Amino acid sequence: MNPKAQETFCRIKKLIKEIFELVNKFPKSPAIFRIIEQIMGSATSMGANFVEAQSARSKKEFISIMGIVLKETKETLYWLEIIIDLNLTSKEKINKIYQECSELSRIFSSIILSSSKNLK
């Protein structure tokens, strides 16, 4: 993994850890478990697919997998918005996580766009 990708991967892992710590403090109920399951699924998928993209066999495959990373990031943002709307935690605790996830989304979009331009 190149240094920039390694740095991004470290940010993804830190985000996953912060989300894990956040949702572990939520009240326990079947509805909340579903939200936890969804956000942990999308966040961890973001990381796993990012790692997979680094081993892509072609630029086209890389772009495709990074598209999945972006989709999972946007899903994570969606679940963070639901958590905010349901007041499951303080805005201070979730704002930092939301901002980092938004920034990663912009990074992934930029990677996809620049890789697509270089493909032509």
PDB file of N, CA and C in Angstrom:
ATOM      1  N   MET A   1       0.862  -1.176   0.000  1.00  0.00           N
ATOM      2  CA  MET A   1       0.000   0.000   0.000  1.00  0.00           C
ATOM      3  C   MET A   1       0.904   1.232   0.000  1.00  0.00           C
ATOM      4  N   ASN A   2       0.602   2.170  -0.885  1.00  0.00           N
ATOM      5  CA  ASN A   2       1.412   3.392  -0.907  1.00  0.00           C
ATOM      6  C   ASN A   2       1.143   4.237   0.337  1.00  0.00           C
ATOM      7  N   PRO A   3       2.023   5.174   0.658  1.00  0.00           N
ATOM      8  CA  PRO A   3       1.877   5.950   1.898  1.00  0.00           C
ATOM      9  C   PRO A   3       0.547   6.697   2.034  1.00  0.00           C
ATOM     10  N   LYS A   4       0.051   7.284   0.931  1.00  0.00           N
ATOM     11  CA  LYS A   4      -1.237   7.992   1.001  1.00  0.00           C
ATOM     12  C   LYS A   4      -2.378   7.031   1.300  1.00  0.00           C
ATOM     13  N   ALA A   5      -2.353   5.871   0.639  1.00  0.00           N
ATOM     14  CA  ALA A   5      -3.385   4.859   0.880  1.00  0.00           C
ATOM     15  C   ALA A   5      -3.293   4.353   2.317  1.00  0.00           C
ATOM     16  N   GLN A   6      -2.083   4.179   2.810  1.00  0.00           N
ATOM     17  CA  GLN A   6      -1.889   3.717   4.192  1.00  0.00           C
ATOM     18  C   GLN A   6      -2.447   4.733   5.184  1.00  0.00           C
ATOM     19  N   GLU A   7      -2.204   6.012   4.908  1.00  0.00           N
ATOM     20  CA  GLU A   7      -2.728   7.071   5.772  1.00  0.00           C
ATOM     21  C   GLU A   7      -4.267   7.061   5.771  1.00  0.00           C
ATOM     22  N   THR A   8      -4.844   6.905   4.585  1.00  0.00           N
ATOM     23  CA  THR A   8      -6.308   6.859   4.464  1.00  0.00           C
ATOM     24  C   THR A   8      -6.858   5.639   5.182  1.00  0.00           C
ATOM     25  N   PHE A   9      -6.180   4.513   5.034  1.00  0.00           N
ATOM     26  CA  PHE A   9      -6.617   3.291   5.710  1.00  0.00           C
ATOM     27  C   PHE A   9      -6.581   3.467   7.229  1.00  0.00           C
ATOM     28  N   CYS A  10      -5.565   4.126   7.741  1.00  0.00           N
ATOM     29  CA  CYS A  10      -5.495   4.393   9.189  1.00  0.00           C
ATOM     30  C   CYS A  10      -6.665   5.265   9.634  1.00  0.00           C
ATOM     31  N   ARG A  11      -7.036   6.227   8.807  1.00  0.00           N
ATOM     32  CA  ARG A  11      -8.184   7.072   9.129  1.00  0.00           C
ATOM     33  C   ARG A  11      -9.477   6.261   9.145  1.00  0.00           C
ATOM     34  N   ILE A  12      -9.613   5.342   8.191  1.00  0.00           N
ATOM     35  CA  ILE A  12     -10.800   4.483   8.143  1.00  0.00           C
ATOM     36  C   ILE A  12     -10.873   3.625   9.401  1.00  0.00           C
ATOM     37  N   LYS A  13      -9.756   3.014   9.773  1.00  0.00           N
ATOM     38  CA  LYS A  13      -9.745   2.169  10.978  1.00  0.00           C
ATOM     39  C   LYS A  13     -10.082   2.972  12.230  1.00  0.00           C
ATOM     40  N   LYS A  14      -9.568   4.186  12.307  1.00  0.00           N
ATOM     41  CA  LYS A  14      -9.866   5.044  13.463  1.00  0.00           C
ATOM     42  C   LYS A  14     -11.356   5.378  13.486  1.00  0.00           C
ATOM     43  N   LEU A  15     -11.925   5.666  12.319  1.00  0.00           N
ATOM     44  CA  LEU A  15     -13.357   5.961  12.233  1.00  0.00           C
ATOM     45  C   LEU A  15     -14.189   4.765  12.685  1.00  0.00           C
ATOM     46  N   ILE A  16     -13.827   3.576  12.226  1.00  0.00           N
ATOM     47  CA  ILE A  16     -14.549   2.361  12.629  1.00  0.00           C
ATOM     48  C   ILE A  16     -14.490   2.188  14.143  1.00  0.00           C
ATOM     49  N   LYS A  17     -13.314   2.406  14.716  1.00  0.00           N
ATOM     50  CA  LYS A  17     -13.157   2.281  16.174  1.00  0.00           C
ATOM     51  C   LYS A  17     -14.040   3.300  16.900  1.00  0.00           C
ATOM     52  N   GLU A  18     -14.066   4.534  16.399  1.00  0.00           N
ATOM     53  CA  GLU A  18     -14.885   5.573  17.043  1.00  0.00           C
ATOM     54  C   GLU A  18     -16.377   5.247  16.949  1.00  0.00           C
ATOM     55  N   ILE A  19     -16.806   4.717  15.809  1.00  0.00           N
ATOM     56  CA  ILE A  19     -18.213   4.323  15.657  1.00  0.00           C
ATOM     57  C   ILE A  19     -18.529   3.170  16.606  1.00  0.00           C
ATOM     58  N   PHE A  20     -17.632   2.197  16.688  1.00  0.00           N
ATOM     59  CA  PHE A  20     -17.813   1.055  17.588  1.00  0.00           C
ATOM     60  C   PHE A  20     -17.965   1.537  19.030  1.00  0.00           C
ATOM     61  N   GLU A  21     -17.079   2.429  19.454  1.00  0.00           N
ATOM     62  CA  GLU A  21     -17.147   2.950  20.828  1.00  0.00           C
ATOM     63  C   GLU A  21     -18.432   3.737  21.053  1.00  0.00           C
ATOM     64  N   LEU A  22     -18.867   4.474  20.043  1.00  0.00           N
ATOM     65  CA  LEU A  22     -20.098   5.257  20.148  1.00  0.00           C
ATOM     66  C   LEU A  22     -21.314   4.360  20.313  1.00  0.00           C
ATOM     67  N   VAL A  23     -21.470   3.370  19.426  1.00  0.00           N
ATOM     68  CA  VAL A  23     -22.679   2.547  19.457  1.00  0.00           C
ATOM     69  C   VAL A  23     -22.700   1.592  20.650  1.00  0.00           C
ATOM     70  N   ASN A  24     -21.545   1.278  21.201  1.00  0.00           N
ATOM     71  CA  ASN A  24     -21.513   0.417  22.390  1.00  0.00           C
ATOM     72  C   ASN A  24     -22.154   1.077  23.603  1.00  0.00           C
ATOM     73  N   LYS A  25     -22.334   2.386  23.548  1.00  0.00           N
ATOM     74  CA  LYS A  25     -22.940   3.117  24.661  1.00  0.00           C
ATOM     75  C   LYS A  25     -24.438   3.360  24.459  1.00  0.00           C
ATOM     76  N   PHE A  26     -24.974   2.896  23.340  1.00  0.00           N
ATOM     77  CA  PHE A  26     -26.398   3.094  23.071  1.00  0.00           C
ATOM     78  C   PHE A  26     -27.245   2.220  23.992  1.00  0.00           C
ATOM     79  N   PRO A  27     -28.499   2.632  24.233  1.00  0.00           N
ATOM     80  CA  PRO A  27     -29.419   1.781  24.991  1.00  0.00           C
ATOM     81  C   PRO A  27     -29.631   0.467  24.239  1.00  0.00           C
ATOM     82  N   LYS A  28     -29.961  -0.553  24.971  1.00  0.00           N
ATOM     83  CA  LYS A  28     -30.141  -1.881  24.366  1.00  0.00           C
ATOM     84  C   LYS A  28     -31.622  -2.126  24.089  1.00  0.00           C
ATOM     85  N   SER A  29     -31.957  -2.228  22.802  1.00  0.00           N
ATOM     86  CA  SER A  29     -33.314  -2.574  22.378  1.00  0.00           C
ATOM     87  C   SER A  29     -33.219  -3.154  20.972  1.00  0.00           C
ATOM     88  N   PRO A  30     -34.201  -3.948  20.551  1.00  0.00           N
ATOM     89  CA  PRO A  30     -34.146  -4.546  19.206  1.00  0.00           C
ATOM     90  C   PRO A  30     -33.994  -3.513  18.086  1.00  0.00           C
ATOM     91  N   ALA A  31     -34.679  -2.390  18.179  1.00  0.00           N
ATOM     92  CA  ALA A  31     -34.583  -1.364  17.140  1.00  0.00           C
ATOM     93  C   ALA A  31     -33.179  -0.767  17.094  1.00  0.00           C
ATOM     94  N   ILE A  32     -32.618  -0.519  18.245  1.00  0.00           N
ATOM     95  CA  ILE A  32     -31.264   0.054  18.314  1.00  0.00           C
ATOM     96  C   ILE A  32     -30.239  -0.963  17.813  1.00  0.00           C
ATOM     97  N   PHE A  33     -30.432  -2.233  18.148  1.00  0.00           N
ATOM     98  CA  PHE A  33     -29.511  -3.273  17.655  1.00  0.00           C
ATOM     99  C   PHE A  33     -29.473  -3.265  16.127  1.00  0.00           C
ATOM    100  N   ARG A  34     -30.613  -3.043  15.490  1.00  0.00           N
ATOM    101  CA  ARG A  34     -30.672  -3.024  14.028  1.00  0.00           C
ATOM    102  C   ARG A  34     -29.844  -1.866  13.457  1.00  0.00           C
ATOM    103  N   ILE A  35     -29.950  -0.707  14.090  1.00  0.00           N
ATOM    104  CA  ILE A  35     -29.169   0.458  13.654  1.00  0.00           C
ATOM    105  C   ILE A  35     -27.682   0.187  13.849  1.00  0.00           C
ATOM    106  N   ILE A  36     -27.327  -0.390  14.991  1.00  0.00           N
ATOM    107  CA  ILE A  36     -25.929  -0.720  15.267  1.00  0.00           C
ATOM    108  C   ILE A  36     -25.396  -1.697  14.219  1.00  0.00           C
ATOM    109  N   GLU A  37     -26.180  -2.713  13.938  1.00  0.00           N
ATOM    110  CA  GLU A  37     -25.796  -3.723  12.939  1.00  0.00           C
ATOM    111  C   GLU A  37     -25.561  -3.077  11.574  1.00  0.00           C
ATOM    112  N   GLN A  38     -26.440  -2.182  11.194  1.00  0.00           N
ATOM    113  CA  GLN A  38     -26.342  -1.532   9.881  1.00  0.00           C
ATOM    114  C   GLN A  38     -25.113  -0.628   9.784  1.00  0.00           C
ATOM    115  N   ILE A  39     -24.920   0.226  10.789  1.00  0.00           N
ATOM    116  CA  ILE A  39     -23.807   1.174  10.700  1.00  0.00           C
ATOM    117  C   ILE A  39     -22.463   0.456  10.835  1.00  0.00           C
ATOM    118  N   MET A  40     -22.407  -0.563  11.677  1.00  0.00           N
ATOM    119  CA  MET A  40     -21.151  -1.310  11.791  1.00  0.00           C
ATOM    120  C   MET A  40     -20.876  -2.082  10.504  1.00  0.00           C
ATOM    121  N   GLY A  41     -21.929  -2.568   9.864  1.00  0.00           N
ATOM    122  CA  GLY A  41     -21.758  -3.281   8.598  1.00  0.00           C
ATOM    123  C   GLY A  41     -21.222  -2.373   7.506  1.00  0.00           C
ATOM    124  N   SER A  42     -21.791  -1.185   7.372  1.00  0.00           N
ATOM    125  CA  SER A  42     -21.344  -0.282   6.311  1.00  0.00           C
ATOM    126  C   SER A  42     -19.956   0.273   6.599  1.00  0.00           C
ATOM    127  N   ALA A  43     -19.669   0.592   7.853  1.00  0.00           N
ATOM    128  CA  ALA A  43     -18.352   1.143   8.195  1.00  0.00           C
ATOM    129  C   ALA A  43     -17.239   0.111   7.995  1.00  0.00           C
ATOM    130  N   THR A  44     -17.475  -1.111   8.452  1.00  0.00           N
ATOM    131  CA  THR A  44     -16.435  -2.135   8.291  1.00  0.00           C
ATOM    132  C   THR A  44     -16.285  -2.543   6.829  1.00  0.00           C
ATOM    133  N   SER A  45     -17.368  -2.506   6.074  1.00  0.00           N
ATOM    134  CA  SER A  45     -17.300  -2.807   4.648  1.00  0.00           C
ATOM    135  C   SER A  45     -16.481  -1.743   3.913  1.00  0.00           C
ATOM    136  N   MET A  46     -16.608  -0.505   4.354  1.00  0.00           N
ATOM    137  CA  MET A  46     -15.816   0.582   3.787  1.00  0.00           C
ATOM    138  C   MET A  46     -14.329   0.232   3.893  1.00  0.00           C
ATOM    139  N   GLY A  47     -13.896  -0.188   5.076  1.00  0.00           N
ATOM    140  CA  GLY A  47     -12.492  -0.532   5.291  1.00  0.00           C
ATOM    141  C   GLY A  47     -12.059  -1.757   4.513  1.00  0.00           C
ATOM    142  N   ALA A  48     -12.867  -2.792   4.539  1.00  0.00           N
ATOM    143  CA  ALA A  48     -12.512  -4.042   3.846  1.00  0.00           C
ATOM    144  C   ALA A  48     -12.402  -3.826   2.340  1.00  0.00           C
ATOM    145  N   ASN A  49     -13.335  -3.063   1.783  1.00  0.00           N
ATOM    146  CA  ASN A  49     -13.292  -2.807   0.341  1.00  0.00           C
ATOM    147  C   ASN A  49     -12.143  -1.875  -0.037  1.00  0.00           C
ATOM    148  N   PHE A  50     -11.792  -0.964   0.847  1.00  0.00           N
ATOM    149  CA  PHE A  50     -10.645  -0.098   0.573  1.00  0.00           C
ATOM    150  C   PHE A  50      -9.376  -0.937   0.466  1.00  0.00           C
ATOM    151  N   VAL A  51      -9.214  -1.884   1.375  1.00  0.00           N
ATOM    152  CA  VAL A  51      -8.053  -2.778   1.329  1.00  0.00           C
ATOM    153  C   VAL A  51      -8.087  -3.598   0.042  1.00  0.00           C
ATOM    154  N   GLU A  52      -9.252  -4.111  -0.311  1.00  0.00           N
ATOM    155  CA  GLU A  52      -9.384  -4.904  -1.537  1.00  0.00           C
ATOM    156  C   GLU A  52      -9.017  -4.079  -2.766  1.00  0.00           C
ATOM    157  N   ALA A  53      -9.420  -2.814  -2.781  1.00  0.00           N
ATOM    158  CA  ALA A  53      -9.124  -1.944  -3.931  1.00  0.00           C
ATOM    159  C   ALA A  53      -7.624  -1.791  -4.146  1.00  0.00           C
ATOM    160  N   GLN A  54      -6.861  -1.837  -3.077  1.00  0.00           N
ATOM    161  CA  GLN A  54      -5.407  -1.670  -3.187  1.00  0.00           C
ATOM    162  C   GLN A  54      -4.761  -2.829  -3.942  1.00  0.00           C
ATOM    163  N   SER A  55      -5.462  -3.953  -4.029  1.00  0.00           N
ATOM    164  CA  SER A  55      -4.940  -5.126  -4.740  1.00  0.00           C
ATOM    165  C   SER A  55      -5.655  -5.349  -6.069  1.00  0.00           C
ATOM    166  N   ALA A  56      -6.316  -4.338  -6.557  1.00  0.00           N
ATOM    167  CA  ALA A  56      -7.059  -4.470  -7.817  1.00  0.00           C
ATOM    168  C   ALA A  56      -6.107  -4.864  -8.946  1.00  0.00           C
ATOM    169  N   ARG A  57      -6.635  -5.681  -9.867  1.00  0.00           N
ATOM    170  CA  ARG A  57      -5.827  -6.174 -10.985  1.00  0.00           C
ATOM    171  C   ARG A  57      -5.741  -5.189 -12.135  1.00  0.00           C
ATOM    172  N   SER A  58      -6.631  -4.190 -12.118  1.00  0.00           N
ATOM    173  CA  SER A  58      -6.618  -3.191 -13.188  1.00  0.00           C
ATOM    174  C   SER A  58      -7.158  -1.875 -12.634  1.00  0.00           C
ATOM    175  N   LYS A  59      -6.923  -0.815 -13.378  1.00  0.00           N
ATOM    176  CA  LYS A  59      -7.434   0.501 -12.994  1.00  0.00           C
ATOM    177  C   LYS A  59      -8.962   0.491 -12.983  1.00  0.00           C
ATOM    178  N   LYS A  60      -9.549  -0.215 -13.936  1.00  0.00           N
ATOM    179  CA  LYS A  60     -11.009  -0.321 -14.017  1.00  0.00           C
ATOM    180  C   LYS A  60     -11.573  -1.027 -12.771  1.00  0.00           C
ATOM    181  N   GLU A  61     -10.929  -2.121 -12.361  1.00  0.00           N
ATOM    182  CA  GLU A  61     -11.362  -2.839 -11.165  1.00  0.00           C
ATOM    183  C   GLU A  61     -11.183  -1.954  -9.933  1.00  0.00           C
ATOM    184  N   PHE A  62     -10.075  -1.215  -9.870  1.00  0.00           N
ATOM    185  CA  PHE A  62      -9.820  -0.297  -8.748  1.00  0.00           C
ATOM    186  C   PHE A  62     -10.954   0.723  -8.631  1.00  0.00           C
ATOM    187  N   ILE A  63     -11.319   1.326  -9.744  1.00  0.00           N
ATOM    188  CA  ILE A  63     -12.387   2.328  -9.746  1.00  0.00           C
ATOM    189  C   ILE A  63     -13.711   1.708  -9.303  1.00  0.00           C
ATOM    190  N   SER A  64     -13.984   0.512  -9.769  1.00  0.00           N
ATOM    191  CA  SER A  64     -15.220  -0.176  -9.405  1.00  0.00           C
ATOM    192  C   SER A  64     -15.282  -0.447  -7.897  1.00  0.00           C
ATOM    193  N   ILE A  65     -14.191  -0.953  -7.347  1.00  0.00           N
ATOM    194  CA  ILE A  65     -14.173  -1.259  -5.908  1.00  0.00           C
ATOM    195  C   ILE A  65     -14.219   0.031  -5.092  1.00  0.00           C
ATOM    196  N   MET A  66     -13.538   1.073  -5.553  1.00  0.00           N
ATOM    197  CA  MET A  66     -13.600   2.354  -4.842  1.00  0.00           C
ATOM    198  C   MET A  66     -15.014   2.920  -4.889  1.00  0.00           C
ATOM    199  N   GLY A  67     -15.768   2.595  -5.938  1.00  0.00           N
ATOM    200  CA  GLY A  67     -17.176   2.979  -5.993  1.00  0.00           C
ATOM    201  C   GLY A  67     -17.964   2.332  -4.868  1.00  0.00           C
ATOM    202  N   ILE A  68     -17.628   1.087  -4.566  1.00  0.00           N
ATOM    203  CA  ILE A  68     -18.274   0.388  -3.442  1.00  0.00           C
ATOM    204  C   ILE A  68     -17.874   1.049  -2.124  1.00  0.00           C
ATOM    205  N   VAL A  69     -16.599   1.412  -2.002  1.00  0.00           N
ATOM    206  CA  VAL A  69     -16.126   2.100  -0.791  1.00  0.00           C
ATOM    207  C   VAL A  69     -16.928   3.386  -0.590  1.00  0.00           C
ATOM    208  N   LEU A  70     -17.101   4.142  -1.664  1.00  0.00           N
ATOM    209  CA  LEU A  70     -17.861   5.393  -1.572  1.00  0.00           C
ATOM    210  C   LEU A  70     -19.312   5.133  -1.179  1.00  0.00           C
ATOM    211  N   LYS A  71     -19.931   4.110  -1.776  1.00  0.00           N
ATOM    212  CA  LYS A  71     -21.319   3.775  -1.425  1.00  0.00           C
ATOM    213  C   LYS A  71     -21.444   3.408   0.056  1.00  0.00           C
ATOM    214  N   GLU A  72     -20.506   2.627   0.568  1.00  0.00           N
ATOM    215  CA  GLU A  72     -20.543   2.230   1.981  1.00  0.00           C
ATOM    216  C   GLU A  72     -20.317   3.432   2.896  1.00  0.00           C
ATOM    217  N   THR A  73     -19.483   4.374   2.455  1.00  0.00           N
ATOM    218  CA  THR A  73     -19.239   5.596   3.230  1.00  0.00           C
ATOM    219  C   THR A  73     -20.512   6.428   3.294  1.00  0.00           C
ATOM    220  N   LYS A  74     -21.194   6.542   2.161  1.00  0.00           N
ATOM    221  CA  LYS A  74     -22.442   7.303   2.142  1.00  0.00           C
ATOM    222  C   LYS A  74     -23.528   6.621   2.979  1.00  0.00           C
ATOM    223  N   GLU A  75     -23.537   5.298   2.985  1.00  0.00           N
ATOM    224  CA  GLU A  75     -24.487   4.587   3.845  1.00  0.00           C
ATOM    225  C   GLU A  75     -24.162   4.849   5.317  1.00  0.00           C
ATOM    226  N   THR A  76     -22.891   4.864   5.648  1.00  0.00           N
ATOM    227  CA  THR A  76     -22.487   5.161   7.024  1.00  0.00           C
ATOM    228  C   THR A  76     -22.944   6.562   7.418  1.00  0.00           C
ATOM    229  N   LEU A  77     -22.799   7.516   6.510  1.00  0.00           N
ATOM    230  CA  LEU A  77     -23.286   8.880   6.772  1.00  0.00           C
ATOM    231  C   LEU A  77     -24.796   8.880   7.009  1.00  0.00           C
ATOM    232  N   TYR A  78     -25.517   8.093   6.231  1.00  0.00           N
ATOM    233  CA  TYR A  78     -26.968   7.980   6.403  1.00  0.00           C
ATOM    234  C   TYR A  78     -27.306   7.499   7.821  1.00  0.00           C
ATOM    235  N   TRP A  79     -26.639   6.435   8.263  1.00  0.00           N
ATOM    236  CA  TRP A  79     -26.920   5.903   9.590  1.00  0.00           C
ATOM    237  C   TRP A  79     -26.514   6.890  10.685  1.00  0.00           C
ATOM    238  N   LEU A  80     -25.452   7.644  10.459  1.00  0.00           N
ATOM    239  CA  LEU A  80     -25.079   8.675  11.432  1.00  0.00           C
ATOM    240  C   LEU A  80     -26.174   9.734  11.524  1.00  0.00           C
ATOM    241  N   GLU A  81     -26.772  10.082  10.388  1.00  0.00           N
ATOM    242  CA  GLU A  81     -27.880  11.043  10.401  1.00  0.00           C
ATOM    243  C   GLU A  81     -29.080  10.489  11.162  1.00  0.00           C
ATOM    244  N   ILE A  82     -29.369   9.210  11.000  1.00  0.00           N
ATOM    245  CA  ILE A  82     -30.476   8.581  11.739  1.00  0.00           C
ATOM    246  C   ILE A  82     -30.184   8.632  13.240  1.00  0.00           C
ATOM    247  N   ILE A  83     -28.952   8.335  13.603  1.00  0.00           N
ATOM    248  CA  ILE A  83     -28.548   8.375  15.022  1.00  0.00           C
ATOM    249  C   ILE A  83     -28.725   9.791  15.575  1.00  0.00           C
ATOM    250  N   ILE A  84     -28.355  10.791  14.781  1.00  0.00           N
ATOM    251  CA  ILE A  84     -28.537  12.190  15.204  1.00  0.00           C
ATOM    252  C   ILE A  84     -30.023  12.488  15.374  1.00  0.00           C
ATOM    253  N   ASP A  85     -30.836  12.101  14.380  1.00  0.00           N
ATOM    254  CA  ASP A  85     -32.279  12.369  14.427  1.00  0.00           C
ATOM    255  C   ASP A  85     -32.956  11.702  15.616  1.00  0.00           C
ATOM    256  N   LEU A  86     -32.463  10.539  16.011  1.00  0.00           N
ATOM    257  CA  LEU A  86     -33.062   9.815  17.140  1.00  0.00           C
ATOM    258  C   LEU A  86     -32.478  10.236  18.494  1.00  0.00           C
ATOM    259  N   ASN A  87     -31.542  11.174  18.469  1.00  0.00           N
ATOM    260  CA  ASN A  87     -30.901  11.668  19.711  1.00  0.00           C
ATOM    261  C   ASN A  87     -30.312  10.535  20.546  1.00  0.00           C
ATOM    262  N   LEU A  88     -29.636   9.601  19.882  1.00  0.00           N
ATOM    263  CA  LEU A  88     -29.055   8.471  20.604  1.00  0.00           C
ATOM    264  C   LEU A  88     -27.738   8.825  21.294  1.00  0.00           C
ATOM    265  N   THR A  89     -27.201   9.974  20.963  1.00  0.00           N
ATOM    266  CA  THR A  89     -25.970  10.448  21.588  1.00  0.00           C
ATOM    267  C   THR A  89     -25.921  11.964  21.465  1.00  0.00           C
ATOM    268  N   SER A  90     -24.981  12.578  22.134  1.00  0.00           N
ATOM    269  CA  SER A  90     -24.876  14.035  22.053  1.00  0.00           C
ATOM    270  C   SER A  90     -24.323  14.449  20.692  1.00  0.00           C
ATOM    271  N   LYS A  91     -24.713  15.638  20.270  1.00  0.00           N
ATOM    272  CA  LYS A  91     -24.238  16.150  18.980  1.00  0.00           C
ATOM    273  C   LYS A  91     -22.723  16.317  18.986  1.00  0.00           C
ATOM    274  N   GLU A  92     -22.160  16.652  20.142  1.00  0.00           N
ATOM    275  CA  GLU A  92     -20.712  16.832  20.234  1.00  0.00           C
ATOM    276  C   GLU A  92     -19.978  15.525  19.930  1.00  0.00           C
ATOM    277  N   LYS A  93     -20.498  14.423  20.443  1.00  0.00           N
ATOM    278  CA  LYS A  93     -19.852  13.125  20.235  1.00  0.00           C
ATOM    279  C   LYS A  93     -19.928  12.678  18.774  1.00  0.00           C
ATOM    280  N   ILE A  94     -21.037  12.957  18.134  1.00  0.00           N
ATOM    281  CA  ILE A  94     -21.231  12.432  16.780  1.00  0.00           C
ATOM    282  C   ILE A  94     -20.717  13.378  15.698  1.00  0.00           C
ATOM    283  N   ASN A  95     -20.642  14.686  15.979  1.00  0.00           N
ATOM    284  CA  ASN A  95     -20.208  15.647  14.965  1.00  0.00           C
ATOM    285  C   ASN A  95     -18.816  15.342  14.429  1.00  0.00           C
ATOM    286  N   LYS A  96     -17.880  15.017  15.301  1.00  0.00           N
ATOM    287  CA  LYS A  96     -16.509  14.711  14.882  1.00  0.00           C
ATOM    288  C   LYS A  96     -16.494  13.480  13.964  1.00  0.00           C
ATOM    289  N   ILE A  97     -17.264  12.470  14.331  1.00  0.00           N
ATOM    290  CA  ILE A  97     -17.353  11.248  13.526  1.00  0.00           C
ATOM    291  C   ILE A  97     -17.997  11.566  12.180  1.00  0.00           C
ATOM    292  N   TYR A  98     -19.063  12.343  12.199  1.00  0.00           N
ATOM    293  CA  TYR A  98     -19.761  12.700  10.964  1.00  0.00           C
ATOM    294  C   TYR A  98     -18.839  13.493  10.035  1.00  0.00           C
ATOM    295  N   GLN A  99     -18.111  14.449  10.590  1.00  0.00           N
ATOM    296  CA  GLN A  99     -17.197  15.259   9.782  1.00  0.00           C
ATOM    297  C   GLN A  99     -16.101  14.407   9.143  1.00  0.00           C
ATOM    298  N   GLU A 100     -15.534  13.479   9.910  1.00  0.00           N
ATOM    299  CA  GLU A 100     -14.482  12.609   9.363  1.00  0.00           C
ATOM    300  C   GLU A 100     -15.037  11.723   8.254  1.00  0.00           C
ATOM    301  N   CYS A 101     -16.215  11.181   8.456  1.00  0.00           N
ATOM    302  CA  CYS A 101     -16.833  10.330   7.448  1.00  0.00           C
ATOM    303  C   CYS A 101     -17.132  11.143   6.182  1.00  0.00           C
ATOM    304  N   SER A 102     -17.594  12.371   6.342  1.00  0.00           N
ATOM    305  CA  SER A 102     -17.847  13.257   5.199  1.00  0.00           C
ATOM    306  C   SER A 102     -16.558  13.553   4.445  1.00  0.00           C
ATOM    307  N   GLU A 103     -15.498  13.806   5.183  1.00  0.00           N
ATOM    308  CA  GLU A 103     -14.214  14.091   4.548  1.00  0.00           C
ATOM    309  C   GLU A 103     -13.700  12.863   3.786  1.00  0.00           C
ATOM    310  N   LEU A 104     -13.838  11.697   4.375  1.00  0.00           N
ATOM    311  CA  LEU A 104     -13.431  10.470   3.675  1.00  0.00           C
ATOM    312  C   LEU A 104     -14.262  10.282   2.404  1.00  0.00           C
ATOM    313  N   SER A 105     -15.532  10.604   2.463  1.00  0.00           N
ATOM    314  CA  SER A 105     -16.393  10.505   1.288  1.00  0.00           C
ATOM    315  C   SER A 105     -15.863  11.398   0.164  1.00  0.00           C
ATOM    316  N   ARG A 106     -15.463  12.619   0.512  1.00  0.00           N
ATOM    317  CA  ARG A 106     -14.904  13.529  -0.492  1.00  0.00           C
ATOM    318  C   ARG A 106     -13.580  12.996  -1.046  1.00  0.00           C
ATOM    319  N   ILE A 107     -12.763  12.408  -0.194  1.00  0.00           N
ATOM    320  CA  ILE A 107     -11.494  11.819  -0.640  1.00  0.00           C
ATOM    321  C   ILE A 107     -11.763  10.689  -1.625  1.00  0.00           C
ATOM    322  N   PHE A 108     -12.696   9.805  -1.292  1.00  0.00           N
ATOM    323  CA  PHE A 108     -12.997   8.668  -2.168  1.00  0.00           C
ATOM    324  C   PHE A 108     -13.563   9.154  -3.505  1.00  0.00           C
ATOM    325  N   SER A 109     -14.414  10.173  -3.473  1.00  0.00           N
ATOM    326  CA  SER A 109     -14.953  10.743  -4.710  1.00  0.00           C
ATOM    327  C   SER A 109     -13.825  11.287  -5.575  1.00  0.00           C
ATOM    328  N   SER A 110     -12.897  11.980  -4.945  1.00  0.00           N
ATOM    329  CA  SER A 110     -11.757  12.552  -5.659  1.00  0.00           C
ATOM    330  C   SER A 110     -10.877  11.462  -6.276  1.00  0.00           C
ATOM    331  N   ILE A 111     -10.642  10.396  -5.522  1.00  0.00           N
ATOM    332  CA  ILE A 111      -9.839   9.268  -6.021  1.00  0.00           C
ATOM    333  C   ILE A 111     -10.516   8.666  -7.253  1.00  0.00           C
ATOM    334  N   ILE A 112     -11.822   8.463  -7.174  1.00  0.00           N
ATOM    335  CA  ILE A 112     -12.566   7.878  -8.292  1.00  0.00           C
ATOM    336  C   ILE A 112     -12.506   8.796  -9.518  1.00  0.00           C
ATOM    337  N   LEU A 113     -12.717  10.079  -9.308  1.00  0.00           N
ATOM    338  CA  LEU A 113     -12.683  11.022 -10.427  1.00  0.00           C
ATOM    339  C   LEU A 113     -11.308  11.087 -11.070  1.00  0.00           C
ATOM    340  N   SER A 114     -10.264  11.215 -10.266  1.00  0.00           N
ATOM    341  CA  SER A 114      -8.913  11.315 -10.847  1.00  0.00           C
ATOM    342  C   SER A 114      -8.504  10.005 -11.512  1.00  0.00           C
ATOM    343  N   SER A 115      -8.877   8.888 -10.930  1.00  0.00           N
ATOM    344  CA  SER A 115      -8.553   7.589 -11.541  1.00  0.00           C
ATOM    345  C   SER A 115      -9.312   7.406 -12.853  1.00  0.00           C
ATOM    346  N   SER A 116     -10.539   7.883 -12.907  1.00  0.00           N
ATOM    347  CA  SER A 116     -11.341   7.774 -14.124  1.00  0.00           C
ATOM    348  C   SER A 116     -10.756   8.639 -15.242  1.00  0.00           C
ATOM    349  N   LYS A 117     -10.274   9.824 -14.905  1.00  0.00           N
ATOM    350  CA  LYS A 117      -9.657  10.704 -15.893  1.00  0.00           C
ATOM    351  C   LYS A 117      -8.390  10.066 -16.448  1.00  0.00           C
ATOM    352  N   ASN A 118      -7.620   9.444 -15.563  1.00  0.00           N
ATOM    353  CA  ASN A 118      -6.373   8.800 -15.985  1.00  0.00           C
ATOM    354  C   ASN A 118      -6.620   7.537 -16.817  1.00  0.00           C
ATOM    355  N   LEU A 119      -7.829   7.012 -16.740  1.00  0.00           N
ATOM    356  CA  LEU A 119      -8.183   5.793 -17.466  1.00  0.00           C
ATOM    357  C   LEU A 119      -8.322   6.070 -18.951  1.00  0.00           C
ATOM    358  N   LYS A 120      -8.755   7.275 -19.283  1.00  0.00           N
ATOM    359  CA  LYS A 120      -9.034   7.623 -20.693  1.00  0.00           C
ATOM    360  C   LYS A 120      -7.807   7.963 -21.462  1.00  0.00           C
TER     361      LYS A 120
END
